[in-house]
Amino acid sequence: MKAQVQPSARRARALVLGGGGVTGVAWELGVLAGLFDGGVDVRDAARIVGTSAGSVVGAQISSGVDLQALLTAQLVPPQQSAERTAPLDTAALAVPLPLATVQVCAGFDGCVCTDTL
């Protein structure tokens, strides 16, 4: 026999978004905008979780900006995008980085050793 779910006992929804680089961001925003146009607003999920591109989309849709505006901004050609106007200083990339200290931890009890790379 199937359990009866009372209206007051609705489950919270979560939205899980995957990766995919710039293409993944555009694809996910397109799907979410299409769902919204079809009457499904995923922005009110109790939890929004994303990996890589999905984390970018999760942050964007949580910002309150309209889904269609986010999708439209994502589809702007790179040459016209304000996000891509900063010059790249390739000489700065050749500067050696300082040594890093790495802590290797064993569980939650604390670190067992410290190494310098």
C-alpha atoms as a PDB file:
ATOM      1  CA  MET A   1       0.000   0.000   0.000  1.00  0.00           C
ATOM      2  CA  LYS A   2       1.290   3.443  -0.918  1.00  0.00           C
ATOM      3  CA  ALA A   3       1.903   5.914   1.902  1.00  0.00           C
ATOM      4  CA  GLN A   4      -0.286   8.987   1.906  1.00  0.00           C
ATOM      5  CA  VAL A   5       1.681  12.242   1.994  1.00  0.00           C
ATOM      6  CA  GLN A   6      -0.023  15.108   3.727  1.00  0.00           C
ATOM      7  CA  PRO A   7       0.242  18.531   1.992  1.00  0.00           C
ATOM      8  CA  SER A   8       2.018  19.950   5.042  1.00  0.00           C
ATOM      9  CA  ALA A   9       4.714  17.248   4.798  1.00  0.00           C
ATOM     10  CA  ARG A  10       6.095  18.336   1.413  1.00  0.00           C
ATOM     11  CA  ARG A  11       9.721  17.488   0.849  1.00  0.00           C
ATOM     12  CA  ALA A  12      12.267  20.213   0.294  1.00  0.00           C
ATOM     13  CA  ARG A  13      13.761  20.293  -3.201  1.00  0.00           C
ATOM     14  CA  ALA A  14      17.429  20.456  -4.097  1.00  0.00           C
ATOM     15  CA  LEU A  15      18.935  21.494  -7.416  1.00  0.00           C
ATOM     16  CA  VAL A  16      22.158  19.722  -8.399  1.00  0.00           C
ATOM     17  CA  LEU A  17      24.139  21.189 -11.306  1.00  0.00           C
ATOM     18  CA  GLY A  18      27.087  19.571 -13.098  1.00  0.00           C
ATOM     19  CA  GLY A  19      30.193  20.914 -14.809  1.00  0.00           C
ATOM     20  CA  GLY A  20      30.969  21.553 -18.450  1.00  0.00           C
ATOM     21  CA  GLY A  21      32.977  24.754 -18.752  1.00  0.00           C
ATOM     22  CA  VAL A  22      31.556  27.743 -20.608  1.00  0.00           C
ATOM     23  CA  THR A  23      29.364  25.435 -22.671  1.00  0.00           C
ATOM     24  CA  GLY A  24      27.990  23.890 -19.480  1.00  0.00           C
ATOM     25  CA  VAL A  25      27.080  27.307 -18.094  1.00  0.00           C
ATOM     26  CA  ALA A  26      25.191  28.230 -21.288  1.00  0.00           C
ATOM     27  CA  TRP A  27      23.508  24.829 -21.502  1.00  0.00           C
ATOM     28  CA  GLU A  28      22.413  24.803 -17.857  1.00  0.00           C
ATOM     29  CA  LEU A  29      21.124  28.376 -17.986  1.00  0.00           C
ATOM     30  CA  GLY A  30      19.207  27.485 -21.160  1.00  0.00           C
ATOM     31  CA  VAL A  31      17.609  24.443 -19.540  1.00  0.00           C
ATOM     32  CA  LEU A  32      16.718  26.377 -16.384  1.00  0.00           C
ATOM     33  CA  ALA A  33      15.245  29.268 -18.420  1.00  0.00           C
ATOM     34  CA  GLY A  34      13.213  26.733 -20.430  1.00  0.00           C
ATOM     35  CA  LEU A  35      11.941  25.086 -17.262  1.00  0.00           C
ATOM     36  CA  PHE A  36      10.980  28.514 -15.901  1.00  0.00           C
ATOM     37  CA  ASP A  37       9.122  29.328 -19.126  1.00  0.00           C
ATOM     38  CA  GLY A  38       7.283  26.023 -18.671  1.00  0.00           C
ATOM     39  CA  GLY A  39       6.200  26.942 -15.145  1.00  0.00           C
ATOM     40  CA  VAL A  40       8.957  25.287 -13.095  1.00  0.00           C
ATOM     41  CA  ASP A  41      11.000  27.759 -11.035  1.00  0.00           C
ATOM     42  CA  VAL A  42      14.029  25.913  -9.668  1.00  0.00           C
ATOM     43  CA  ARG A  43      15.434  29.036  -7.990  1.00  0.00           C
ATOM     44  CA  ASP A  44      13.350  28.371  -4.896  1.00  0.00           C
ATOM     45  CA  ALA A  45      15.102  25.065  -4.172  1.00  0.00           C
ATOM     46  CA  ALA A  46      16.052  24.549  -0.531  1.00  0.00           C
ATOM     47  CA  ARG A  47      19.617  23.689  -1.602  1.00  0.00           C
ATOM     48  CA  ILE A  48      21.509  24.532  -4.774  1.00  0.00           C
ATOM     49  CA  VAL A  49      24.659  22.477  -5.329  1.00  0.00           C
ATOM     50  CA  GLY A  50      27.022  22.668  -8.280  1.00  0.00           C
ATOM     51  CA  THR A  51      30.362  21.388  -9.507  1.00  0.00           C
ATOM     52  CA  SER A  52      32.588  23.617 -11.642  1.00  0.00           C
ATOM     53  CA  ALA A  53      30.284  25.296 -14.184  1.00  0.00           C
ATOM     54  CA  GLY A  54      27.336  24.208 -12.057  1.00  0.00           C
ATOM     55  CA  SER A  55      28.668  26.197  -9.106  1.00  0.00           C
ATOM     56  CA  VAL A  56      28.829  29.283 -11.339  1.00  0.00           C
ATOM     57  CA  VAL A  57      25.237  28.760 -12.472  1.00  0.00           C
ATOM     58  CA  GLY A  58      24.142  28.110  -8.878  1.00  0.00           C
ATOM     59  CA  ALA A  59      25.683  31.397  -7.766  1.00  0.00           C
ATOM     60  CA  GLN A  60      24.166  33.248 -10.714  1.00  0.00           C
ATOM     61  CA  ILE A  61      20.617  31.985 -10.216  1.00  0.00           C
ATOM     62  CA  SER A  62      20.862  32.655  -6.480  1.00  0.00           C
ATOM     63  CA  SER A  63      21.777  36.298  -7.167  1.00  0.00           C
ATOM     64  CA  GLY A  64      18.204  37.263  -8.034  1.00  0.00           C
ATOM     65  CA  VAL A  65      19.040  38.239 -11.619  1.00  0.00           C
ATOM     66  CA  ASP A  66      16.394  37.161 -14.144  1.00  0.00           C
ATOM     67  CA  LEU A  67      17.153  33.768 -15.770  1.00  0.00           C
ATOM     68  CA  GLN A  68      16.622  35.134 -19.273  1.00  0.00           C
ATOM     69  CA  ALA A  69      19.042  38.004 -18.584  1.00  0.00           C
ATOM     70  CA  LEU A  70      21.665  35.513 -17.361  1.00  0.00           C
ATOM     71  CA  LEU A  71      21.223  33.369 -20.470  1.00  0.00           C
ATOM     72  CA  THR A  72      21.363  36.382 -22.786  1.00  0.00           C
ATOM     73  CA  ALA A  73      24.589  37.607 -21.150  1.00  0.00           C
ATOM     74  CA  GLN A  74      26.132  34.140 -21.504  1.00  0.00           C
ATOM     75  CA  LEU A  75      25.396  34.046 -25.234  1.00  0.00           C
ATOM     76  CA  VAL A  76      27.197  37.323 -26.024  1.00  0.00           C
ATOM     77  CA  PRO A  77      30.175  36.601 -28.325  1.00  0.00           C
ATOM     78  CA  PRO A  78      33.507  36.791 -26.425  1.00  0.00           C
ATOM     79  CA  GLN A  79      34.711  39.733 -28.535  1.00  0.00           C
ATOM     80  CA  GLN A  80      31.723  41.795 -27.386  1.00  0.00           C
ATOM     81  CA  SER A  81      31.661  40.705 -23.749  1.00  0.00           C
ATOM     82  CA  ALA A  82      32.683  43.231 -21.093  1.00  0.00           C
ATOM     83  CA  GLU A  83      34.106  40.320 -19.105  1.00  0.00           C
ATOM     84  CA  ARG A  84      36.860  39.793 -21.652  1.00  0.00           C
ATOM     85  CA  THR A  85      38.251  43.306 -22.074  1.00  0.00           C
ATOM     86  CA  ALA A  86      41.059  43.051 -19.502  1.00  0.00           C
ATOM     87  CA  PRO A  87      44.519  42.769 -21.089  1.00  0.00           C
ATOM     88  CA  LEU A  88      46.642  39.780 -20.142  1.00  0.00           C
ATOM     89  CA  ASP A  89      50.125  40.618 -18.877  1.00  0.00           C
ATOM     90  CA  THR A  90      52.094  37.575 -20.055  1.00  0.00           C
ATOM     91  CA  ALA A  91      55.322  38.920 -18.503  1.00  0.00           C
ATOM     92  CA  ALA A  92      53.731  38.650 -15.055  1.00  0.00           C
ATOM     93  CA  LEU A  93      53.084  34.969 -15.686  1.00  0.00           C
ATOM     94  CA  ALA A  94      56.842  34.292 -15.890  1.00  0.00           C
ATOM     95  CA  VAL A  95      57.478  35.426 -12.291  1.00  0.00           C
ATOM     96  CA  PRO A  96      58.457  32.462 -10.089  1.00  0.00           C
ATOM     97  CA  LEU A  97      56.031  31.686  -7.318  1.00  0.00           C
ATOM     98  CA  PRO A  98      57.187  31.444  -3.671  1.00  0.00           C
ATOM     99  CA  LEU A  99      57.453  28.029  -2.071  1.00  0.00           C
ATOM    100  CA  ALA A 100      54.241  26.723  -0.589  1.00  0.00           C
ATOM    101  CA  THR A 101      53.800  25.043   2.766  1.00  0.00           C
ATOM    102  CA  VAL A 102      51.526  22.021   2.651  1.00  0.00           C
ATOM    103  CA  GLN A 103      49.984  20.417   5.692  1.00  0.00           C
ATOM    104  CA  VAL A 104      49.165  16.733   5.401  1.00  0.00           C
ATOM    105  CA  CYS A 105      46.350  15.915   7.794  1.00  0.00           C
ATOM    106  CA  ALA A 106      45.235  12.584   9.192  1.00  0.00           C
ATOM    107  CA  GLY A 107      41.487  12.848   9.705  1.00  0.00           C
ATOM    108  CA  PHE A 108      40.067  15.452  12.013  1.00  0.00           C
ATOM    109  CA  ASP A 109      42.675  14.967  14.748  1.00  0.00           C
ATOM    110  CA  GLY A 110      45.123  17.454  13.294  1.00  0.00           C
ATOM    111  CA  CYS A 111      48.135  17.493  11.068  1.00  0.00           C
ATOM    112  CA  VAL A 112      50.793  14.821  11.201  1.00  0.00           C
ATOM    113  CA  CYS A 113      53.470  16.635   9.214  1.00  0.00           C
ATOM    114  CA  THR A 114      54.263  19.827   7.333  1.00  0.00           C
ATOM    115  CA  ASP A 115      56.233  19.879   4.092  1.00  0.00           C
ATOM    116  CA  THR A 116      57.610  22.751   2.033  1.00  0.00           C
ATOM    117  CA  LEU A 117      57.455  22.347  -1.722  1.00  0.00           C
END
